[in-house]
């Protein structure tokens, strides 16, 4: 019988070794201590390089299905998608969400376009306004804001195109012509600008409601053309509307400067006369334009000397078919053409190179009336009205 040899390495049970057990227990305890420390102190326990190696990389989340509704909204406005930081910004994000479901909500559209302009996206703002008018319902307010936004970008051609559409929609609002006048002036199209300024003035019922900027900018258009004597008329008209407030040092400085540069002293205005008042509500007078006498009404409410087309033919005034100025008359709004008279006389009073309007409608001024003696002539003089007579004399 064989006996197990306790010294034989290939046989018998292993001999008990206490040190090995202690070492294993110690290792387990150390691992537990390190794990607990890592849990509580985290990043402070390991070097940053090790953290970077072991840190889990963030998963990039992508929208697997593009927002078709948002894409349609941008396509509707014919604009490129807004940058994400703008599209997600309040209140734009909420406005976009609303317009995706209700693209013709005017209040939201207005707020959205205004917010875009505030964020310096004026062209996109213009497209939103224009799209509303074209695709929802015609809106002169929307088109006005669209044109104004492009004007702010100095896109004069784009702004004028929208303004022309605007004036087809609402042809008799002075405010719209003022915007057109400003754009044309900045585009250096001064003759057209003067026509638009005249429409602005001519369509305003009460001249006291017009800002002095309208007259100043109109005057500067004449200056840009080198017509200093013509530049005097808008300033003089402005002063005559309310002398107590408008006859300022600035106004007088401009008048003296233009008079000197244009050498207008001798031809601007001269004379003095007094005329009886025979009618109750209307003052009639015989006025001579370029040597031809006509039956006129003295009208301080009229911005310009206005004559009928028939009278223009009688005085052999050269005319084009460019009747683009719009004027408010007693018989409604009429088309007119800007021109000037070499000489205007009433009694012993005379003025040269007077801004004048020729009415396209033969009946715009009424029967048996050849013209209105308006402020483009009267503002050059001191005019006073009494119960039985009125007086006029050069300043």
Protein backbone atom coordinates (compact mmCIF):
# COMPACT_ATOMS: atom_id res chain seq x y z
CA UNK A 1 0.00 0.00 0.00
CA UNK A 2 1.23 3.37 -0.91
CA UNK A 3 1.36 6.12 1.67
CA UNK A 4 0.99 9.76 0.98
CA UNK A 5 4.16 11.68 1.48
CA UNK A 6 3.40 15.08 2.98
CA UNK A 7 6.60 16.41 1.44
CA UNK A 8 5.58 15.25 -2.03
CA UNK A 9 4.53 18.40 -4.10
CA UNK A 10 2.39 16.28 -6.39
CA UNK A 11 0.25 14.64 -3.81
CA UNK A 12 -1.80 15.23 -0.66
CA UNK A 13 -3.70 18.29 0.54
CA UNK A 14 -1.96 21.68 0.50
CA UNK A 15 -0.43 22.80 3.65
CA UNK A 16 -2.12 25.73 5.46
CA UNK A 17 -0.35 29.16 5.07
CA UNK A 18 -1.79 32.04 7.24
CA UNK A 19 0.29 34.77 5.62
CA UNK A 20 -1.38 34.28 2.27
CA UNK A 21 -4.81 34.75 3.81
CA UNK A 22 -3.74 37.96 5.52
CA UNK A 23 -2.36 39.33 2.26
CA UNK A 24 -5.62 38.65 0.37
CA UNK A 25 -7.74 40.28 3.06
CA UNK A 26 -5.46 43.32 3.09
CA UNK A 27 -5.72 43.68 -0.72
CA UNK A 28 -9.51 43.57 -0.61
CA UNK A 29 -9.62 46.22 2.13
CA UNK A 30 -7.31 48.52 0.14
CA UNK A 31 -9.47 48.20 -2.95
CA UNK A 32 -12.56 49.09 -0.94
CA UNK A 33 -10.83 52.15 0.57
CA UNK A 34 -9.78 53.41 -2.85
CA UNK A 35 -13.29 52.88 -4.24
CA UNK A 36 -14.89 54.81 -1.38
CA UNK A 37 -12.36 57.63 -1.75
CA UNK A 38 -13.03 57.85 -5.48
CA UNK A 39 -16.74 58.05 -4.84
CA UNK A 40 -16.47 60.96 -2.41
CA UNK A 41 -13.54 62.93 -3.78
CA UNK A 42 -13.75 62.03 -7.45
CA UNK A 43 -11.58 64.17 -9.70
CA UNK A 44 -9.21 65.29 -6.94
CA UNK A 45 -7.95 61.77 -6.50
CA UNK A 46 -6.77 61.14 -10.07
CA UNK A 47 -4.54 63.13 -12.38
CA UNK A 48 -6.32 65.17 -15.05
CA UNK A 49 -4.69 63.19 -17.84
CA UNK A 50 -6.11 60.00 -16.42
CA UNK A 51 -9.54 61.56 -16.09
CA UNK A 52 -9.50 62.57 -19.76
CA UNK A 53 -8.58 59.07 -20.78
CA UNK A 54 -11.22 57.44 -18.69
CA UNK A 55 -14.03 60.02 -19.03
CA UNK A 56 -16.97 58.96 -21.13
CA UNK A 57 -17.38 61.02 -24.30
CA UNK A 58 -20.73 62.83 -24.64
CA UNK A 59 -23.04 61.38 -27.19
CA UNK A 60 -23.90 63.87 -29.93
CA UNK A 61 -27.66 64.00 -30.34
CA UNK A 62 -28.80 64.75 -33.85
CA UNK A 63 -32.22 65.44 -35.18
CA UNK A 64 -32.62 62.60 -37.58
CA UNK A 65 -35.72 64.18 -39.10
CA UNK A 66 -35.41 67.88 -40.10
CA UNK A 67 -38.15 70.24 -38.97
CA UNK A 68 -40.15 70.41 -42.15
CA UNK A 69 -42.57 72.99 -40.76
CA UNK A 70 -39.69 75.36 -39.97
CA UNK A 71 -38.21 74.81 -43.42
CA UNK A 72 -41.57 75.65 -44.98
CA UNK A 73 -41.75 78.85 -42.90
CA UNK A 74 -38.35 80.02 -44.15
CA UNK A 75 -39.33 79.13 -47.71
CA UNK A 76 -42.51 81.15 -47.30
CA UNK A 77 -40.47 84.21 -46.41
CA UNK A 78 -37.83 83.41 -49.07
CA UNK A 79 -35.10 83.76 -46.47
CA UNK A 80 -32.16 81.70 -45.32
CA UNK A 81 -32.54 79.87 -41.99
CA UNK A 82 -31.69 82.03 -39.02
CA UNK A 83 -28.64 81.10 -36.93
CA UNK A 84 -29.59 78.69 -34.16
CA UNK A 85 -28.73 81.18 -31.41
CA UNK A 86 -31.16 83.71 -32.94
CA UNK A 87 -33.94 81.22 -33.72
CA UNK A 88 -33.83 79.89 -30.14
CA UNK A 89 -33.74 83.33 -28.57
CA UNK A 90 -36.77 84.71 -26.76
CA UNK A 91 -39.18 86.01 -28.02
CA UNK A 92 -38.22 84.91 -31.53
CA UNK A 93 -38.44 81.19 -30.71
CA UNK A 94 -42.02 81.53 -29.52
CA UNK A 95 -42.98 83.65 -32.52
CA UNK A 96 -41.54 81.08 -34.92
CA UNK A 97 -43.46 78.31 -33.18
CA UNK A 98 -46.69 80.27 -33.49
CA UNK A 99 -46.13 81.20 -37.14
CA UNK A 100 -45.50 77.57 -38.07
CA UNK A 101 -49.12 76.85 -37.29
CA UNK A 102 -50.62 80.31 -38.02
CA UNK A 103 -48.49 82.02 -40.69
CA UNK A 104 -51.03 84.82 -41.24
CA UNK A 105 -51.36 85.95 -37.64
CA UNK A 106 -50.72 89.68 -38.10
CA UNK A 107 -49.84 90.52 -34.52
CA UNK A 108 -47.26 87.73 -34.30
CA UNK A 109 -45.94 88.56 -37.77
CA UNK A 110 -45.45 92.19 -36.80
CA UNK A 111 -43.72 91.28 -33.55
CA UNK A 112 -41.52 88.69 -35.31
CA UNK A 113 -40.42 91.10 -38.06
CA UNK A 114 -39.80 93.84 -35.50
CA UNK A 115 -37.72 91.47 -33.37
CA UNK A 116 -35.65 90.49 -36.41
CA UNK A 117 -34.93 94.13 -37.19
CA UNK A 118 -33.95 94.70 -33.57
CA UNK A 119 -31.45 91.83 -33.90
CA UNK A 120 -29.99 93.53 -37.03
CA UNK A 121 -31.74 91.18 -39.48
CA UNK A 122 -33.43 94.03 -41.34
CA UNK A 123 -33.53 92.33 -44.74
CA UNK A 124 -35.20 89.28 -43.22
CA UNK A 125 -37.60 91.62 -41.42
CA UNK A 126 -38.51 93.23 -44.76
CA UNK A 127 -39.16 89.82 -46.32
CA UNK A 128 -41.47 88.82 -43.49
CA UNK A 129 -43.50 92.03 -43.86
CA UNK A 130 -43.61 91.78 -47.64
CA UNK A 131 -44.61 88.12 -47.53
CA UNK A 132 -47.51 88.91 -45.23
CA UNK A 133 -48.88 91.53 -47.64
CA UNK A 134 -48.39 89.29 -50.67
CA UNK A 135 -49.57 85.97 -49.24
CA UNK A 136 -51.96 86.77 -46.40
CA UNK A 137 -53.76 90.03 -47.12
CA UNK A 138 -52.67 93.34 -48.68
CA UNK A 139 -51.31 95.62 -45.99
CA UNK A 140 -49.92 99.11 -46.50
CA UNK A 141 -48.54 99.00 -42.95
CA UNK A 142 -46.56 95.84 -43.78
CA UNK A 143 -45.21 97.27 -47.04
CA UNK A 144 -44.30 100.58 -45.39
CA UNK A 145 -42.26 98.74 -42.75
CA UNK A 146 -40.65 96.53 -45.41
CA UNK A 147 -39.58 99.56 -47.46
CA UNK A 148 -38.33 101.37 -44.37
CA UNK A 149 -36.23 98.34 -43.36
CA UNK A 150 -34.53 98.20 -46.77
CA UNK A 151 -34.07 101.97 -46.73
CA UNK A 152 -32.19 101.56 -43.47
CA UNK A 153 -29.83 99.17 -45.29
CA UNK A 154 -29.34 101.76 -48.09
CA UNK A 155 -30.95 99.33 -50.51
CA UNK A 156 -32.59 102.21 -52.36
CA UNK A 157 -33.69 100.21 -55.41
CA UNK A 158 -35.32 97.51 -53.29
CA UNK A 159 -36.99 100.08 -51.04
CA UNK A 160 -38.33 102.10 -53.99
CA UNK A 161 -39.79 98.99 -55.60
CA UNK A 162 -41.79 98.27 -52.46
CA UNK A 163 -42.78 101.94 -52.07
CA UNK A 164 -44.16 101.94 -55.61
CA UNK A 165 -46.28 98.88 -54.73
CA UNK A 166 -47.33 100.67 -51.56
CA UNK A 167 -48.47 103.77 -53.46
CA UNK A 168 -50.49 101.66 -55.88
CA UNK A 169 -52.31 100.28 -52.85
CA UNK A 170 -52.66 103.61 -50.99
CA UNK A 171 -51.94 106.48 -53.39
CA UNK A 172 -53.13 109.43 -51.32
CA UNK A 173 -51.28 109.20 -48.01
CA UNK A 174 -48.67 111.93 -47.49
CA UNK A 175 -46.57 109.79 -45.16
CA UNK A 176 -45.84 107.27 -47.90
CA UNK A 177 -44.71 109.99 -50.31
CA UNK A 178 -42.43 111.38 -47.63
CA UNK A 179 -40.69 108.01 -47.33
CA UNK A 180 -40.31 107.90 -51.11
CA UNK A 181 -38.92 111.45 -51.12
CA UNK A 182 -36.30 110.56 -48.51
CA UNK A 183 -35.20 107.46 -50.42
CA UNK A 184 -34.96 109.33 -53.72
CA UNK A 185 -33.01 112.14 -52.09
CA UNK A 186 -30.47 109.74 -50.56
CA UNK A 187 -30.24 107.97 -53.92
CA UNK A 188 -29.31 111.37 -55.42
CA UNK A 189 -32.38 111.41 -57.66
CA UNK A 190 -33.17 114.96 -56.62
CA UNK A 191 -35.71 116.01 -59.26
CA UNK A 192 -37.86 112.99 -58.48
CA UNK A 193 -37.37 113.65 -54.77
CA UNK A 194 -38.72 117.20 -55.18
CA UNK A 195 -41.86 115.81 -56.84
CA UNK A 196 -42.35 113.40 -53.94
CA UNK A 197 -41.83 116.18 -51.39
CA UNK A 198 -44.42 118.27 -53.23
CA UNK A 199 -46.88 115.37 -53.06
CA UNK A 200 -46.18 115.08 -49.33
CA UNK A 201 -47.05 118.74 -48.88
CA UNK A 202 -49.88 118.76 -51.41
CA UNK A 203 -51.69 115.80 -49.79
CA UNK A 204 -51.61 117.31 -46.29
CA UNK A 205 -54.82 119.11 -45.41
CA UNK A 206 -53.33 121.21 -42.63
CA UNK A 207 -49.81 122.46 -43.37
CA UNK A 208 -49.23 123.10 -39.67
CA UNK A 209 -49.13 119.33 -39.20
CA UNK A 210 -46.09 118.93 -41.45
CA UNK A 211 -42.68 118.59 -39.85
CA UNK A 212 -40.12 121.23 -40.70
CA UNK A 213 -37.84 118.39 -41.86
CA UNK A 214 -40.01 117.96 -44.97
CA UNK A 215 -39.32 121.56 -46.07
CA UNK A 216 -35.66 121.43 -45.05
CA UNK A 217 -34.98 118.21 -46.98
CA UNK A 218 -36.86 119.53 -50.00
CA UNK A 219 -34.74 122.66 -49.87
CA UNK A 220 -31.56 120.56 -49.75
CA UNK A 221 -32.67 118.73 -52.90
CA UNK A 222 -32.77 122.07 -54.71
CA UNK A 223 -29.33 122.90 -53.30
CA UNK A 224 -27.98 119.59 -54.60
CA UNK A 225 -29.18 120.62 -58.07
CA UNK A 226 -27.45 124.00 -57.70
CA UNK A 227 -30.80 125.85 -57.67
CA UNK A 228 -30.33 128.12 -54.66
CA UNK A 229 -33.21 130.41 -55.54
CA UNK A 230 -35.48 127.35 -55.72
CA UNK A 231 -34.15 126.24 -52.33
CA UNK A 232 -35.50 129.43 -50.75
CA UNK A 233 -39.14 128.59 -51.45
CA UNK A 234 -39.54 125.55 -49.13
CA UNK A 235 -37.91 127.41 -46.23
CA UNK A 236 -40.00 130.51 -46.83
CA UNK A 237 -43.15 128.35 -46.99
CA UNK A 238 -42.23 126.76 -43.67
CA UNK A 239 -41.71 130.15 -42.05
CA UNK A 240 -45.02 131.50 -43.39
CA UNK A 241 -47.04 128.63 -41.90
CA UNK A 242 -46.31 129.79 -38.35
CA UNK A 243 -43.94 132.78 -38.24
CA UNK A 244 -43.99 132.98 -34.45
CA UNK A 245 -42.42 129.52 -34.15
CA UNK A 246 -40.75 128.89 -37.50
CA UNK A 247 -39.04 132.21 -38.17
CA UNK A 248 -35.91 131.12 -36.31
CA UNK A 249 -32.28 132.16 -36.54
CA UNK A 250 -31.56 128.91 -38.36
CA UNK A 251 -34.26 129.60 -40.96
CA UNK A 252 -33.00 133.13 -41.56
CA UNK A 253 -29.41 131.92 -41.88
CA UNK A 254 -30.43 129.42 -44.55
CA UNK A 255 -32.44 132.05 -46.45
CA UNK A 256 -29.57 134.56 -46.41
CA UNK A 257 -27.07 131.89 -47.47
CA UNK A 258 -29.17 130.67 -50.40
CA UNK A 259 -30.08 134.21 -51.46
CA UNK A 260 -26.41 135.14 -51.57
CA UNK A 261 -25.25 132.01 -53.40
CA UNK A 262 -28.07 132.22 -55.96
CA UNK A 263 -27.93 136.03 -56.28
CA UNK A 264 -31.70 136.06 -55.80
CA UNK A 265 -32.09 139.53 -54.23
CA UNK A 266 -33.31 141.33 -57.35
CA UNK A 267 -35.55 138.61 -58.74
CA UNK A 268 -36.94 136.99 -55.63
CA UNK A 269 -39.74 139.46 -54.63
CA UNK A 270 -40.48 143.15 -54.92
CA UNK A 271 -43.32 145.64 -54.74
CA UNK A 272 -46.29 146.61 -52.58
CA UNK A 273 -50.03 146.81 -53.22
CA UNK A 274 -53.48 146.80 -51.62
CA UNK A 275 -56.60 145.10 -52.97
CA UNK A 276 -60.28 145.28 -51.96
CA UNK A 277 -62.08 142.17 -50.74
CA UNK A 278 -65.32 141.79 -52.66
CA UNK A 279 -66.35 138.20 -51.95
CA UNK A 280 -67.51 136.77 -48.63
CA UNK A 281 -65.54 133.51 -48.47
CA UNK A 282 -63.24 133.70 -51.48
CA UNK A 283 -60.72 136.38 -52.46
CA UNK A 284 -60.38 136.65 -56.22
CA UNK A 285 -57.61 138.50 -58.01
CA UNK A 286 -56.23 139.02 -61.48
CA UNK A 287 -52.81 137.42 -61.61
CA UNK A 288 -50.40 137.50 -64.52
CA UNK A 289 -48.21 134.45 -65.21
CA UNK A 290 -45.42 135.03 -67.74
CA UNK A 291 -47.30 138.05 -69.02
CA UNK A 292 -50.73 136.37 -69.45
CA UNK A 293 -53.54 137.42 -67.07
CA UNK A 294 -55.84 134.91 -65.44
CA UNK A 295 -58.63 134.66 -62.87
CA UNK A 296 -57.09 133.41 -59.61
CA UNK A 297 -58.18 132.68 -56.07
CA UNK A 298 -55.86 133.91 -53.31
CA UNK A 299 -55.44 130.77 -51.21
CA UNK A 300 -53.12 130.79 -48.20
CA UNK A 301 -53.99 127.13 -47.63
CA UNK A 302 -52.58 126.13 -51.03
CA UNK A 303 -48.94 125.08 -50.87
CA UNK A 304 -48.07 126.18 -54.38
CA UNK A 305 -49.24 128.46 -57.14
CA UNK A 306 -51.47 126.05 -59.08
CA UNK A 307 -52.82 126.55 -62.59
CA UNK A 308 -55.16 124.60 -64.82
CA UNK A 309 -53.88 122.70 -67.82
CA UNK A 310 -55.84 125.01 -70.13
CA UNK A 311 -54.18 128.08 -68.64
CA UNK A 312 -50.77 126.42 -69.00
CA UNK A 313 -51.52 126.02 -72.71
CA UNK A 314 -52.53 129.69 -72.96
CA UNK A 315 -49.25 130.89 -71.50
CA UNK A 316 -47.38 128.43 -73.74
CA UNK A 317 -45.80 126.63 -70.81
CA UNK A 318 -43.86 123.56 -72.00
CA UNK A 319 -45.26 120.42 -70.37
CA UNK A 320 -44.46 116.75 -70.37
CA UNK A 321 -46.88 113.93 -69.65
CA UNK A 322 -45.19 113.32 -66.32
CA UNK A 323 -48.11 114.13 -64.01
CA UNK A 324 -46.80 112.35 -60.92
CA UNK A 325 -47.38 114.93 -58.17
CA UNK A 326 -50.57 114.38 -56.18
CA UNK A 327 -52.43 117.38 -54.78
CA UNK A 328 -55.44 117.64 -52.49
CA UNK A 329 -57.95 120.08 -53.97
CA UNK A 330 -61.50 121.15 -53.15
CA UNK A 331 -62.69 118.57 -55.68
CA UNK A 332 -60.55 115.72 -54.37
CA UNK A 333 -57.06 114.46 -55.12
CA UNK A 334 -55.70 115.38 -58.56
CA UNK A 335 -52.55 114.57 -60.46
CA UNK A 336 -50.23 117.45 -61.24
CA UNK A 337 -46.88 118.34 -62.74
CA UNK A 338 -44.13 120.41 -61.14
CA UNK A 339 -42.89 123.42 -63.08
CA UNK A 340 -42.00 127.06 -62.46
CA UNK A 341 -43.13 130.45 -63.71
CA UNK A 342 -40.54 132.93 -64.95
CA UNK A 343 -42.59 135.83 -63.58
CA UNK A 344 -45.73 136.18 -61.47
CA UNK A 345 -47.42 139.59 -61.09
CA UNK A 346 -50.36 140.84 -59.10
CA UNK A 347 -50.84 144.63 -59.28
CA UNK A 348 -47.52 146.25 -58.43
CA UNK A 349 -46.09 143.13 -56.84
CA UNK A 350 -43.76 140.81 -58.71
CA UNK A 351 -41.71 137.66 -58.17
CA UNK A 352 -39.53 135.61 -60.50
CA UNK A 353 -38.87 131.87 -60.76
CA UNK A 354 -41.88 130.84 -58.72
CA UNK A 355 -42.48 127.14 -58.06
CA UNK A 356 -45.78 126.15 -59.63
CA UNK A 357 -48.07 123.16 -60.16
CA UNK A 358 -50.04 122.39 -63.34
CA UNK A 359 -53.17 120.33 -62.66
CA UNK A 360 -53.84 117.46 -65.06
CA UNK A 361 -57.61 117.58 -64.50
CA UNK A 362 -59.17 120.54 -66.30
CA UNK A 363 -61.89 120.81 -63.65
CA UNK A 364 -59.66 120.34 -60.61
CA UNK A 365 -59.79 124.05 -59.72
CA UNK A 366 -63.43 124.62 -60.59
CA UNK A 367 -65.19 126.51 -63.37
CA UNK A 368 -63.87 129.88 -64.52
CA UNK A 369 -60.82 129.58 -62.29
CA UNK A 370 -57.41 129.62 -63.94
CA UNK A 371 -55.38 129.08 -60.81
CA UNK A 372 -54.70 129.42 -57.11
CA UNK A 373 -52.24 131.98 -55.78
CA UNK A 374 -50.61 129.82 -53.10
CA UNK A 375 -47.74 129.96 -50.67
CA UNK A 376 -44.91 129.42 -53.15
CA UNK A 377 -45.65 133.05 -54.14
CA UNK A 378 -47.30 134.53 -51.04
CA UNK A 379 -44.59 133.30 -48.63
CA UNK A 380 -42.13 135.69 -50.27
CA UNK A 381 -44.13 138.65 -49.03
CA UNK A 382 -45.73 140.01 -45.91
CA UNK A 383 -49.47 139.49 -46.42
CA UNK A 384 -52.21 140.85 -44.18
CA UNK A 385 -55.98 140.48 -44.49
CA UNK A 386 -58.52 142.97 -43.19
CA UNK A 387 -62.34 142.98 -43.31
CA UNK A 388 -62.45 145.03 -46.51
CA UNK A 389 -58.99 144.80 -48.06
CA UNK A 390 -55.77 142.80 -48.09
CA UNK A 391 -52.22 144.04 -48.47
CA UNK A 392 -49.06 142.50 -49.83
CA UNK A 393 -45.49 143.85 -49.75
CA UNK A 394 -41.97 142.48 -50.09
CA UNK A 395 -40.15 141.59 -46.88
